[in-house]
Amino acid sequence: GSIQVLSTPGHTLGHQSLKIKLASGKTMVLSQDAIWMQENMDGYPAGLNYSVQDYTKSVNRLKFIRDLEGAPIFYGHDQDQWAKRSGDGWYK
């Protein structure tokens, strides 16, 4: 597997997210604070951003990776998403 650090400014100037390629060949994105929860993906920006314009560009970049590589995006503060995904075996 491998880990790639992605520059995703918006929440902070130097914010970073991770693209992880698992040994199984699956790819996942850990958005950290670039995307807090599902409502941010639905068009409601997270509340604490130094730049909404940079935030929007970063979210769009992560969506592009998701769509291009079939990589689910894991949000930084959405415990419902983590609870749902923990039992589905995707991580293996």
Protein backbone atom coordinates (compact mmCIF):
# COMPACT_ATOMS: atom_id res chain seq x y z
CA GLY A 1 0.00 0.00 0.00
CA SER A 2 0.91 3.65 -0.05
CA ILE A 3 -0.08 7.00 1.42
CA GLN A 4 -0.15 10.24 -0.54
CA VAL A 5 -0.45 13.57 1.27
CA LEU A 6 -2.81 15.97 -0.55
CA SER A 7 -2.81 19.72 -0.15
CA THR A 8 -6.42 20.69 0.62
CA PRO A 9 -6.43 24.30 1.84
CA GLY A 10 -9.63 25.95 2.93
CA HIS A 11 -10.12 25.06 6.59
CA THR A 12 -6.56 26.28 7.14
CA LEU A 13 -3.93 27.48 4.69
CA GLY A 14 -1.77 24.38 5.11
CA HIS A 15 -4.52 21.78 5.52
CA GLN A 16 -3.78 18.28 4.23
CA SER A 17 -5.82 15.19 3.46
CA LEU A 18 -4.64 11.65 2.69
CA LYS A 19 -5.13 9.30 -0.26
CA ILE A 20 -4.45 5.76 0.88
CA LYS A 21 -3.95 2.81 -1.41
CA LEU A 22 -4.47 -0.40 0.54
CA ALA A 23 -2.54 -3.61 -0.13
CA SER A 24 -5.79 -4.98 -1.59
CA GLY A 25 -5.60 -2.32 -4.32
CA LYS A 26 -8.54 -0.33 -2.98
CA THR A 27 -8.13 3.42 -2.55
CA MET A 28 -9.67 5.59 0.15
CA VAL A 29 -9.49 9.28 0.97
CA LEU A 30 -9.26 10.62 4.52
CA SER A 31 -10.49 14.19 4.17
CA GLN A 32 -9.71 15.24 7.73
CA ASP A 33 -11.12 18.77 8.20
CA ALA A 34 -11.45 19.43 4.46
CA ILE A 35 -14.87 17.76 4.71
CA TRP A 36 -16.34 17.49 8.17
CA MET A 37 -19.52 15.54 7.45
CA GLN A 38 -21.99 14.46 4.78
CA GLU A 39 -23.80 17.81 4.83
CA ASN A 40 -20.60 19.44 3.53
CA MET A 41 -20.67 17.09 0.53
CA ASP A 42 -24.30 18.11 0.01
CA GLY A 43 -23.27 21.73 -0.54
CA TYR A 44 -23.20 23.23 2.94
CA PRO A 45 -19.64 24.41 3.65
CA ALA A 46 -18.11 23.68 7.01
CA GLY A 47 -18.27 26.74 9.27
CA LEU A 48 -14.61 27.35 10.07
CA ASN A 49 -12.68 28.13 6.90
CA TYR A 50 -10.09 30.77 6.20
CA SER A 51 -11.19 30.72 2.52
CA VAL A 52 -14.50 29.39 1.19
CA GLN A 53 -13.06 29.59 -2.33
CA ASP A 54 -10.08 27.37 -1.43
CA TYR A 55 -12.38 25.11 0.58
CA THR A 56 -14.63 24.60 -2.46
CA LYS A 57 -11.66 23.84 -4.72
CA SER A 58 -10.34 21.28 -2.22
CA VAL A 59 -13.72 19.56 -1.85
CA ASN A 60 -14.04 19.39 -5.63
CA ARG A 61 -10.55 17.90 -5.89
CA LEU A 62 -11.43 15.18 -3.38
CA LYS A 63 -14.69 14.46 -5.24
CA PHE A 64 -12.69 14.15 -8.48
CA ILE A 65 -10.41 11.55 -6.86
CA ARG A 66 -13.49 9.74 -5.53
CA ASP A 67 -15.10 9.63 -8.96
CA LEU A 68 -11.95 8.85 -10.94
CA GLU A 69 -10.61 6.12 -8.66
CA GLY A 70 -13.79 4.82 -7.00
CA ALA A 71 -12.33 5.89 -3.66
CA PRO A 72 -14.75 6.56 -0.82
CA ILE A 73 -14.14 9.78 1.09
CA PHE A 74 -14.09 9.50 4.86
CA TYR A 75 -15.11 12.71 6.61
CA GLY A 76 -13.25 14.10 9.60
CA HIS A 77 -16.17 14.44 12.04
CA ASP A 78 -19.00 12.20 10.81
CA GLN A 79 -19.29 9.44 13.38
CA ASP A 80 -22.38 8.02 11.64
CA GLN A 81 -20.30 7.35 8.53
CA TRP A 82 -17.56 5.60 10.50
CA ALA A 83 -20.11 3.48 12.39
CA LYS A 84 -21.79 2.48 9.12
CA ARG A 85 -18.51 1.62 7.33
CA SER A 86 -16.90 -0.26 10.25
CA GLY A 87 -19.12 -3.28 9.76
CA ASP A 88 -19.22 -3.53 5.97
CA GLY A 89 -15.78 -5.10 5.47
CA TRP A 90 -14.66 -2.47 2.97
CA TYR A 91 -11.32 -1.95 4.70
CA LYS A 92 -10.09 -5.50 3.99
